PDB file of N, CA and C in Angstrom:
ATOM      1  N   MET A   1      -3.588   0.373  60.221  1.00  0.00           N
ATOM      2  CA  MET A   1      -3.409   1.466  61.145  1.00  0.00           C
ATOM      3  C   MET A   1      -1.957   1.477  61.618  1.00  0.00           C
ATOM      4  N   ALA A   2      -1.344   2.619  61.619  1.00  0.00           N
ATOM      5  CA  ALA A   2       0.060   2.752  62.020  1.00  0.00           C
ATOM      6  C   ALA A   2       0.198   2.618  63.536  1.00  0.00           C
ATOM      7  N   GLN A   3       1.276   1.965  63.946  1.00  0.00           N
ATOM      8  CA  GLN A   3       1.518   1.813  65.378  1.00  0.00           C
ATOM      9  C   GLN A   3       2.138   3.081  65.933  1.00  0.00           C
ATOM     10  N   ARG A   4       1.766   3.390  67.165  1.00  0.00           N
ATOM     11  CA  ARG A   4       2.326   4.551  67.833  1.00  0.00           C
ATOM     12  C   ARG A   4       3.655   4.206  68.480  1.00  0.00           C
ATOM     13  N   LYS A   5       4.538   5.184  68.500  1.00  0.00           N
ATOM     14  CA  LYS A   5       5.794   5.013  69.207  1.00  0.00           C
ATOM     15  C   LYS A   5       5.534   5.193  70.700  1.00  0.00           C
ATOM     16  N   PRO A   6       6.207   4.414  71.538  1.00  0.00           N
ATOM     17  CA  PRO A   6       6.012   4.604  72.977  1.00  0.00           C
ATOM     18  C   PRO A   6       6.510   5.979  73.407  1.00  0.00           C
ATOM     19  N   ARG A   7       5.821   6.548  74.382  1.00  0.00           N
ATOM     20  CA  ARG A   7       6.200   7.855  74.910  1.00  0.00           C
ATOM     21  C   ARG A   7       7.462   7.750  75.738  1.00  0.00           C
ATOM     22  N   LYS A   8       8.266   8.769  75.648  1.00  0.00           N
ATOM     23  CA  LYS A   8       9.443   8.831  76.502  1.00  0.00           C
ATOM     24  C   LYS A   8       9.027   9.395  77.850  1.00  0.00           C
ATOM     25  N   SER A   9       9.533   8.799  78.890  1.00  0.00           N
ATOM     26  CA  SER A   9       9.228   9.268  80.231  1.00  0.00           C
ATOM     27  C   SER A   9      10.035  10.515  80.538  1.00  0.00           C
ATOM     28  N   SER A  10       9.414  11.462  81.196  1.00  0.00           N
ATOM     29  CA  SER A  10      10.124  12.679  81.592  1.00  0.00           C
ATOM     30  C   SER A  10      10.710  12.541  82.994  1.00  0.00           C
ATOM     31  N   THR A  11      10.536  11.375  83.606  1.00  0.00           N
ATOM     32  CA  THR A  11      11.078  11.128  84.932  1.00  0.00           C
ATOM     33  C   THR A  11      12.581  10.914  84.827  1.00  0.00           C
ATOM     34  N   PRO A  12      13.369  11.641  85.635  1.00  0.00           N
ATOM     35  CA  PRO A  12      14.820  11.447  85.566  1.00  0.00           C
ATOM     36  C   PRO A  12      15.225  10.065  86.047  1.00  0.00           C
ATOM     37  N   VAL A  13      16.305   9.559  85.468  1.00  0.00           N
ATOM     38  CA  VAL A  13      16.814   8.251  85.847  1.00  0.00           C
ATOM     39  C   VAL A  13      17.611   8.398  87.141  1.00  0.00           C
ATOM     40  N   VAL A  14      17.343   7.538  88.105  1.00  0.00           N
ATOM     41  CA  VAL A  14      18.058   7.571  89.372  1.00  0.00           C
ATOM     42  C   VAL A  14      18.804   6.251  89.527  1.00  0.00           C
ATOM     43  N   TYR A  15      20.077   6.340  89.839  1.00  0.00           N
ATOM     44  CA  TYR A  15      20.892   5.149  89.996  1.00  0.00           C
ATOM     45  C   TYR A  15      21.057   4.854  91.471  1.00  0.00           C
ATOM     46  N   ASP A  16      21.072   3.572  91.815  1.00  0.00           N
ATOM     47  CA  ASP A  16      21.110   3.193  93.224  1.00  0.00           C
ATOM     48  C   ASP A  16      22.472   2.682  93.675  1.00  0.00           C
ATOM     49  N   PHE A  17      23.532   3.043  92.980  1.00  0.00           N
ATOM     50  CA  PHE A  17      24.854   2.622  93.413  1.00  0.00           C
ATOM     51  C   PHE A  17      25.539   3.789  94.108  1.00  0.00           C
ATOM     52  N   ALA A  18      26.425   3.465  95.011  1.00  0.00           N
ATOM     53  CA  ALA A  18      27.128   4.495  95.775  1.00  0.00           C
ATOM     54  C   ALA A  18      28.527   4.709  95.198  1.00  0.00           C
ATOM     55  N   VAL A  19      28.870   5.942  94.980  1.00  0.00           N
ATOM     56  CA  VAL A  19      30.213   6.285  94.523  1.00  0.00           C
ATOM     57  C   VAL A  19      31.075   6.450  95.762  1.00  0.00           C
ATOM     58  N   ALA A  20      32.154   5.685  95.826  1.00  0.00           N
ATOM     59  CA  ALA A  20      33.027   5.699  97.003  1.00  0.00           C
ATOM     60  C   ALA A  20      33.794   7.007  97.119  1.00  0.00           C
ATOM     61  N   GLU A  21      34.279   7.532  95.998  1.00  0.00           N
ATOM     62  CA  GLU A  21      35.048   8.777  96.024  1.00  0.00           C
ATOM     63  C   GLU A  21      34.998   9.416  94.648  1.00  0.00           C
ATOM     64  N   GLU A  22      35.078  10.745  94.635  1.00  0.00           N
ATOM     65  CA  GLU A  22      35.104  11.493  93.386  1.00  0.00           C
ATOM     66  C   GLU A  22      36.408  12.273  93.320  1.00  0.00           C
ATOM     67  N   LEU A  23      37.027  12.265  92.163  1.00  0.00           N
ATOM     68  CA  LEU A  23      38.283  12.984  91.963  1.00  0.00           C
ATOM     69  C   LEU A  23      38.110  13.946  90.806  1.00  0.00           C
ATOM     70  N   ASP A  24      38.359  15.230  91.067  1.00  0.00           N
ATOM     71  CA  ASP A  24      38.248  16.260  90.037  1.00  0.00           C
ATOM     72  C   ASP A  24      39.611  16.454  89.378  1.00  0.00           C
ATOM     73  N   LEU A  25      39.687  16.204  88.089  1.00  0.00           N
ATOM     74  CA  LEU A  25      40.940  16.281  87.349  1.00  0.00           C
ATOM     75  C   LEU A  25      41.111  17.603  86.607  1.00  0.00           C
ATOM     76  N   HIS A  26      40.154  18.521  86.755  1.00  0.00           N
ATOM     77  CA  HIS A  26      40.239  19.819  86.086  1.00  0.00           C
ATOM     78  C   HIS A  26      41.509  20.555  86.507  1.00  0.00           C
ATOM     79  N   GLY A  27      42.148  21.197  85.553  1.00  0.00           N
ATOM     80  CA  GLY A  27      43.313  22.015  85.838  1.00  0.00           C
ATOM     81  C   GLY A  27      44.621  21.240  85.943  1.00  0.00           C
ATOM     82  N   MET A  28      44.566  19.931  85.856  1.00  0.00           N
ATOM     83  CA  MET A  28      45.782  19.123  85.925  1.00  0.00           C
ATOM     84  C   MET A  28      46.330  18.893  84.518  1.00  0.00           C
ATOM     85  N   ALA A  29      47.618  18.678  84.438  1.00  0.00           N
ATOM     86  CA  ALA A  29      48.215  18.211  83.188  1.00  0.00           C
ATOM     87  C   ALA A  29      47.828  16.745  83.030  1.00  0.00           C
ATOM     88  N   VAL A  30      47.895  16.238  81.816  1.00  0.00           N
ATOM     89  CA  VAL A  30      47.467  14.865  81.555  1.00  0.00           C
ATOM     90  C   VAL A  30      48.238  13.871  82.414  1.00  0.00           C
ATOM     91  N   ASP A  31      49.562  14.004  82.494  1.00  0.00           N
ATOM     92  CA  ASP A  31      50.343  13.042  83.278  1.00  0.00           C
ATOM     93  C   ASP A  31      50.027  13.155  84.771  1.00  0.00           C
ATOM     94  N   GLU A  32      49.764  14.362  85.277  1.00  0.00           N
ATOM     95  CA  GLU A  32      49.363  14.524  86.684  1.00  0.00           C
ATOM     96  C   GLU A  32      48.019  13.857  86.943  1.00  0.00           C
ATOM     97  N   ALA A  33      47.102  13.998  86.002  1.00  0.00           N
ATOM     98  CA  ALA A  33      45.777  13.403  86.149  1.00  0.00           C
ATOM     99  C   ALA A  33      45.858  11.875  86.176  1.00  0.00           C
ATOM    100  N   MET A  34      46.724  11.289  85.356  1.00  0.00           N
ATOM    101  CA  MET A  34      46.854   9.834  85.328  1.00  0.00           C
ATOM    102  C   MET A  34      47.453   9.313  86.640  1.00  0.00           C
ATOM    103  N   VAL A  35      48.416  10.032  87.198  1.00  0.00           N
ATOM    104  CA  VAL A  35      49.014   9.641  88.478  1.00  0.00           C
ATOM    105  C   VAL A  35      47.969   9.750  89.589  1.00  0.00           C
ATOM    106  N   ALA A  36      47.194  10.830  89.590  1.00  0.00           N
ATOM    107  CA  ALA A  36      46.159  11.018  90.609  1.00  0.00           C
ATOM    108  C   ALA A  36      45.092   9.926  90.518  1.00  0.00           C
ATOM    109  N   ALA A  37      44.709   9.541  89.291  1.00  0.00           N
ATOM    110  CA  ALA A  37      43.715   8.482  89.108  1.00  0.00           C
ATOM    111  C   ALA A  37      44.250   7.146  89.614  1.00  0.00           C
ATOM    112  N   GLU A  38      45.509   6.843  89.314  1.00  0.00           N
ATOM    113  CA  GLU A  38      46.093   5.580  89.772  1.00  0.00           C
ATOM    114  C   GLU A  38      46.182   5.528  91.292  1.00  0.00           C
ATOM    115  N   GLN A  39      46.496   6.641  91.924  1.00  0.00           N
ATOM    116  CA  GLN A  39      46.524   6.691  93.392  1.00  0.00           C
ATOM    117  C   GLN A  39      45.129   6.481  93.966  1.00  0.00           C
ATOM    118  N   LEU A  40      44.122   7.015  93.297  1.00  0.00           N
ATOM    119  CA  LEU A  40      42.739   6.808  93.725  1.00  0.00           C
ATOM    120  C   LEU A  40      42.378   5.329  93.680  1.00  0.00           C
ATOM    121  N   PHE A  41      42.777   4.636  92.615  1.00  0.00           N
ATOM    122  CA  PHE A  41      42.482   3.208  92.486  1.00  0.00           C
ATOM    123  C   PHE A  41      43.131   2.413  93.617  1.00  0.00           C
ATOM    124  N   LYS A  42      44.323   2.796  94.019  1.00  0.00           N
ATOM    125  CA  LYS A  42      45.040   2.077  95.075  1.00  0.00           C
ATOM    126  C   LYS A  42      44.390   2.248  96.446  1.00  0.00           C
ATOM    127  N   ARG A  43      43.638   3.330  96.636  1.00  0.00           N
ATOM    128  CA  ARG A  43      42.993   3.593  97.928  1.00  0.00           C
ATOM    129  C   ARG A  43      41.714   2.793  98.149  1.00  0.00           C
ATOM    130  N   HIS A  44      41.190   2.164  97.106  1.00  0.00           N
ATOM    131  CA  HIS A  44      39.885   1.501  97.218  1.00  0.00           C
ATOM    132  C   HIS A  44      39.979   0.007  96.937  1.00  0.00           C
ATOM    133  N   LYS A  45      39.061  -0.716  97.541  1.00  0.00           N
ATOM    134  CA  LYS A  45      38.994  -2.172  97.393  1.00  0.00           C
ATOM    135  C   LYS A  45      38.278  -2.544  96.104  1.00  0.00           C
ATOM    136  N   PRO A  46      38.465  -3.781  95.641  1.00  0.00           N
ATOM    137  CA  PRO A  46      37.719  -4.257  94.468  1.00  0.00           C
ATOM    138  C   PRO A  46      36.212  -4.126  94.692  1.00  0.00           C
ATOM    139  N   GLY A  47      35.511  -3.739  93.648  1.00  0.00           N
ATOM    140  CA  GLY A  47      34.064  -3.558  93.723  1.00  0.00           C
ATOM    141  C   GLY A  47      33.657  -2.121  93.996  1.00  0.00           C
ATOM    142  N   ALA A  48      34.589  -1.296  94.436  1.00  0.00           N
ATOM    143  CA  ALA A  48      34.285   0.115  94.691  1.00  0.00           C
ATOM    144  C   ALA A  48      34.059   0.838  93.364  1.00  0.00           C
ATOM    145  N   ILE A  49      33.188   1.826  93.393  1.00  0.00           N
ATOM    146  CA  ILE A  49      32.923   2.651  92.222  1.00  0.00           C
ATOM    147  C   ILE A  49      33.439   4.054  92.513  1.00  0.00           C
ATOM    148  N   VAL A  50      34.264   4.564  91.628  1.00  0.00           N
ATOM    149  CA  VAL A  50      34.807   5.910  91.774  1.00  0.00           C
ATOM    150  C   VAL A  50      34.405   6.749  90.559  1.00  0.00           C
ATOM    151  N   ARG A  51      34.306   8.053  90.777  1.00  0.00           N
ATOM    152  CA  ARG A  51      33.958   8.972  89.690  1.00  0.00           C
ATOM    153  C   ARG A  51      35.154   9.883  89.435  1.00  0.00           C
ATOM    154  N   LEU A  52      35.587   9.927  88.188  1.00  0.00           N
ATOM    155  CA  LEU A  52      36.672  10.802  87.771  1.00  0.00           C
ATOM    156  C   LEU A  52      36.077  11.911  86.916  1.00  0.00           C
ATOM    157  N   VAL A  53      36.157  13.141  87.400  1.00  0.00           N
ATOM    158  CA  VAL A  53      35.576  14.283  86.697  1.00  0.00           C
ATOM    159  C   VAL A  53      36.666  14.908  85.836  1.00  0.00           C
ATOM    160  N   HIS A  54      36.467  14.871  84.521  1.00  0.00           N
ATOM    161  CA  HIS A  54      37.474  15.355  83.591  1.00  0.00           C
ATOM    162  C   HIS A  54      36.965  16.473  82.710  1.00  0.00           C
ATOM    163  N   GLY A  55      35.708  16.742  82.739  1.00  0.00           N
ATOM    164  CA  GLY A  55      35.121  17.751  81.859  1.00  0.00           C
ATOM    165  C   GLY A  55      34.747  17.129  80.525  1.00  0.00           C
ATOM    166  N   HIS A  56      34.003  17.857  79.730  1.00  0.00           N
ATOM    167  CA  HIS A  56      33.554  17.337  78.430  1.00  0.00           C
ATOM    168  C   HIS A  56      34.720  17.206  77.470  1.00  0.00           C
ATOM    169  N   SER A  57      35.689  18.057  77.571  1.00  0.00           N
ATOM    170  CA  SER A  57      36.906  18.113  76.771  1.00  0.00           C
ATOM    171  C   SER A  57      36.630  18.049  75.275  1.00  0.00           C
ATOM    172  N   ASN A  58      37.635  18.318  74.527  1.00  0.00           N
ATOM    173  CA  ASN A  58      37.490  18.282  73.075  1.00  0.00           C
ATOM    174  C   ASN A  58      37.902  16.904  72.561  1.00  0.00           C
ATOM    175  N   ALA A  59      37.940  16.772  71.275  1.00  0.00           N
ATOM    176  CA  ALA A  59      38.253  15.465  70.682  1.00  0.00           C
ATOM    177  C   ALA A  59      39.750  15.263  70.484  1.00  0.00           C
ATOM    178  N   ALA A  60      40.559  16.127  71.064  1.00  0.00           N
ATOM    179  CA  ALA A  60      42.005  16.009  70.899  1.00  0.00           C
ATOM    180  C   ALA A  60      42.514  14.717  71.529  1.00  0.00           C
ATOM    181  N   PRO A  61      43.444  14.045  70.891  1.00  0.00           N
ATOM    182  CA  PRO A  61      43.952  12.777  71.429  1.00  0.00           C
ATOM    183  C   PRO A  61      44.730  12.945  72.726  1.00  0.00           C
ATOM    184  N   ASP A  62      45.152  14.168  73.040  1.00  0.00           N
ATOM    185  CA  ASP A  62      45.902  14.382  74.271  1.00  0.00           C
ATOM    186  C   ASP A  62      45.044  14.984  75.393  1.00  0.00           C
ATOM    187  N   SER A  63      43.719  14.913  75.270  1.00  0.00           N
ATOM    188  CA  SER A  63      42.845  15.419  76.329  1.00  0.00           C
ATOM    189  C   SER A  63      42.859  14.450  77.514  1.00  0.00           C
ATOM    190  N   ILE A  64      42.484  14.934  78.664  1.00  0.00           N
ATOM    191  CA  ILE A  64      42.459  14.084  79.861  1.00  0.00           C
ATOM    192  C   ILE A  64      41.478  12.934  79.670  1.00  0.00           C
ATOM    193  N   ARG A  65      40.306  13.218  79.132  1.00  0.00           N
ATOM    194  CA  ARG A  65      39.300  12.170  78.944  1.00  0.00           C
ATOM    195  C   ARG A  65      39.798  11.063  78.027  1.00  0.00           C
ATOM    196  N   LYS A  66      40.351  11.434  76.883  1.00  0.00           N
ATOM    197  CA  LYS A  66      40.857  10.425  75.934  1.00  0.00           C
ATOM    198  C   LYS A  66      41.999   9.623  76.561  1.00  0.00           C
ATOM    199  N   SER A  67      42.916  10.310  77.233  1.00  0.00           N
ATOM    200  CA  SER A  67      44.044   9.617  77.861  1.00  0.00           C
ATOM    201  C   SER A  67      43.573   8.699  78.977  1.00  0.00           C
ATOM    202  N   LEU A  68      42.600   9.157  79.759  1.00  0.00           N
ATOM    203  CA  LEU A  68      42.054   8.343  80.849  1.00  0.00           C
ATOM    204  C   LEU A  68      41.416   7.073  80.301  1.00  0.00           C
ATOM    205  N   HIS A  69      40.590   7.206  79.283  1.00  0.00           N
ATOM    206  CA  HIS A  69      39.918   6.030  78.710  1.00  0.00           C
ATOM    207  C   HIS A  69      40.925   5.088  78.054  1.00  0.00           C
ATOM    208  N   ARG A  70      41.969   5.634  77.448  1.00  0.00           N
ATOM    209  CA  ARG A  70      43.016   4.795  76.863  1.00  0.00           C
ATOM    210  C   ARG A  70      43.714   3.977  77.951  1.00  0.00           C
ATOM    211  N   MET A  71      44.049   4.625  79.080  1.00  0.00           N
ATOM    212  CA  MET A  71      44.713   3.934  80.190  1.00  0.00           C
ATOM    213  C   MET A  71      43.791   2.893  80.820  1.00  0.00           C
ATOM    214  N   LEU A  72      42.501   3.212  80.953  1.00  0.00           N
ATOM    215  CA  LEU A  72      41.547   2.263  81.530  1.00  0.00           C
ATOM    216  C   LEU A  72      41.426   1.010  80.662  1.00  0.00           C
ATOM    217  N   ALA A  73      41.526   1.182  79.361  1.00  0.00           N
ATOM    218  CA  ALA A  73      41.374   0.053  78.432  1.00  0.00           C
ATOM    219  C   ALA A  73      42.664  -0.744  78.245  1.00  0.00           C
ATOM    220  N   THR A  74      43.808  -0.157  78.582  1.00  0.00           N
ATOM    221  CA  THR A  74      45.073  -0.850  78.322  1.00  0.00           C
ATOM    222  C   THR A  74      45.847  -1.116  79.619  1.00  0.00           C
ATOM    223  N   ALA A  75      46.568  -0.135  80.076  1.00  0.00           N
ATOM    224  CA  ALA A  75      47.489  -0.319  81.202  1.00  0.00           C
ATOM    225  C   ALA A  75      46.785  -0.692  82.509  1.00  0.00           C
ATOM    226  N   TRP A  76      45.574  -0.175  82.720  1.00  0.00           N
ATOM    227  CA  TRP A  76      44.878  -0.431  83.987  1.00  0.00           C
ATOM    228  C   TRP A  76      43.773  -1.473  83.848  1.00  0.00           C
ATOM    229  N   LYS A  77      43.730  -2.211  82.746  1.00  0.00           N
ATOM    230  CA  LYS A  77      42.592  -3.102  82.513  1.00  0.00           C
ATOM    231  C   LYS A  77      42.455  -4.203  83.566  1.00  0.00           C
ATOM    232  N   ARG A  78      43.520  -4.562  84.258  1.00  0.00           N
ATOM    233  CA  ARG A  78      43.405  -5.567  85.319  1.00  0.00           C
ATOM    234  C   ARG A  78      42.869  -4.977  86.614  1.00  0.00           C
ATOM    235  N   LYS A  79      43.011  -3.675  86.779  1.00  0.00           N
ATOM    236  CA  LYS A  79      42.514  -2.990  87.974  1.00  0.00           C
ATOM    237  C   LYS A  79      41.056  -2.589  87.837  1.00  0.00           C
ATOM    238  N   VAL A  80      40.549  -2.586  86.605  1.00  0.00           N
ATOM    239  CA  VAL A  80      39.231  -2.043  86.299  1.00  0.00           C
ATOM    240  C   VAL A  80      38.306  -3.140  85.798  1.00  0.00           C
ATOM    241  N   LYS A  81      37.167  -3.283  86.457  1.00  0.00           N
ATOM    242  CA  LYS A  81      36.176  -4.254  85.999  1.00  0.00           C
ATOM    243  C   LYS A  81      35.414  -3.692  84.798  1.00  0.00           C
ATOM    244  N   ARG A  82      34.966  -2.436  84.932  1.00  0.00           N
ATOM    245  CA  ARG A  82      34.284  -1.763  83.832  1.00  0.00           C
ATOM    246  C   ARG A  82      34.298  -0.258  84.082  1.00  0.00           C
ATOM    247  N   TYR A  83      34.057   0.488  83.024  1.00  0.00           N
ATOM    248  CA  TYR A  83      33.986   1.940  83.121  1.00  0.00           C
ATOM    249  C   TYR A  83      33.060   2.463  82.041  1.00  0.00           C
ATOM    250  N   ARG A  84      32.532   3.659  82.267  1.00  0.00           N
ATOM    251  CA  ARG A  84      31.666   4.311  81.289  1.00  0.00           C
ATOM    252  C   ARG A  84      31.516   5.778  81.663  1.00  0.00           C
ATOM    253  N   LEU A  85      31.075   6.570  80.706  1.00  0.00           N
ATOM    254  CA  LEU A  85      30.752   7.955  81.017  1.00  0.00           C
ATOM    255  C   LEU A  85      29.535   7.972  81.926  1.00  0.00           C
ATOM    256  N   ASP A  86      29.493   8.905  82.831  1.00  0.00           N
ATOM    257  CA  ASP A  86      28.359   9.070  83.733  1.00  0.00           C
ATOM    258  C   ASP A  86      27.176   9.579  82.913  1.00  0.00           C
ATOM    259  N   PHE A  87      26.040   8.898  82.976  1.00  0.00           N
ATOM    260  CA  PHE A  87      24.866   9.303  82.206  1.00  0.00           C
ATOM    261  C   PHE A  87      24.367  10.683  82.629  1.00  0.00           C
ATOM    262  N   GLN A  88      24.476  10.988  83.895  1.00  0.00           N
ATOM    263  CA  GLN A  88      23.974  12.272  84.398  1.00  0.00           C
ATOM    264  C   GLN A  88      24.973  13.400  84.174  1.00  0.00           C
ATOM    265  N   ASN A  89      26.241  13.077  83.960  1.00  0.00           N
ATOM    266  CA  ASN A  89      27.276  14.074  83.725  1.00  0.00           C
ATOM    267  C   ASN A  89      28.304  13.487  82.753  1.00  0.00           C
ATOM    268  N   PRO A  90      28.151  13.748  81.464  1.00  0.00           N
ATOM    269  CA  PRO A  90      29.093  13.181  80.497  1.00  0.00           C
ATOM    270  C   PRO A  90      30.504  13.752  80.611  1.00  0.00           C
ATOM    271  N   GLY A  91      30.721  14.663  81.533  1.00  0.00           N
ATOM    272  CA  GLY A  91      32.057  15.171  81.805  1.00  0.00           C
ATOM    273  C   GLY A  91      32.754  14.394  82.906  1.00  0.00           C
ATOM    274  N   ALA A  92      32.212  13.223  83.231  1.00  0.00           N
ATOM    275  CA  ALA A  92      32.790  12.377  84.270  1.00  0.00           C
ATOM    276  C   ALA A  92      32.732  10.914  83.831  1.00  0.00           C
ATOM    277  N   THR A  93      33.658  10.132  84.329  1.00  0.00           N
ATOM    278  CA  THR A  93      33.706   8.702  84.043  1.00  0.00           C
ATOM    279  C   THR A  93      33.546   7.927  85.336  1.00  0.00           C
ATOM    280  N   LEU A  94      32.666   6.943  85.327  1.00  0.00           N
ATOM    281  CA  LEU A  94      32.482   6.045  86.475  1.00  0.00           C
ATOM    282  C   LEU A  94      33.333   4.804  86.230  1.00  0.00           C
ATOM    283  N   VAL A  95      34.065   4.395  87.258  1.00  0.00           N
ATOM    284  CA  VAL A  95      34.958   3.243  87.149  1.00  0.00           C
ATOM    285  C   VAL A  95      34.642   2.278  88.286  1.00  0.00           C
ATOM    286  N   GLU A  96      34.386   1.024  87.943  1.00  0.00           N
ATOM    287  CA  GLU A  96      34.238  -0.032  88.952  1.00  0.00           C
ATOM    288  C   GLU A  96      35.543  -0.815  89.000  1.00  0.00           C
ATOM    289  N   LEU A  97      36.122  -0.884  90.178  1.00  0.00           N
ATOM    290  CA  LEU A  97      37.421  -1.519  90.335  1.00  0.00           C
ATOM    291  C   LEU A  97      37.298  -3.029  90.497  1.00  0.00           C
ATOM    292  N   SER A  98      38.297  -3.744  90.023  1.00  0.00           N
ATOM    293  CA  SER A  98      38.331  -5.197  90.173  1.00  0.00           C
ATOM    294  C   SER A  98      39.554  -5.568  90.991  1.00  0.00           C
ATOM    295  N   GLY A  99      39.708  -6.849  91.276  1.00  0.00           N
ATOM    296  CA  GLY A  99      40.802  -7.314  92.115  1.00  0.00           C
ATOM    297  C   GLY A  99      42.116  -7.430  91.440  1.00  0.00           C
TER     298      GLY A  99
END
């Protein structure tokens, strides 16, 4: 007898962490967005979670999302504990700051 696949729950996922601040990067040039993000990081203590809203953007290497993730992985890696796209809004990135 074939095994059944488990049913997917239709209940939405709810996260219990608090976002300290949200920054909307829409309408900014890439370099302006990177400066604004760095200023946001300086305003918060280690352990704070911030949301950077960049939009879904295209796959262009010069998009805000691609540039933001590149900076998070390289230049800002000591300031950032971890980051990921927001599950509820893939047009935003959640960043947990480190010391």
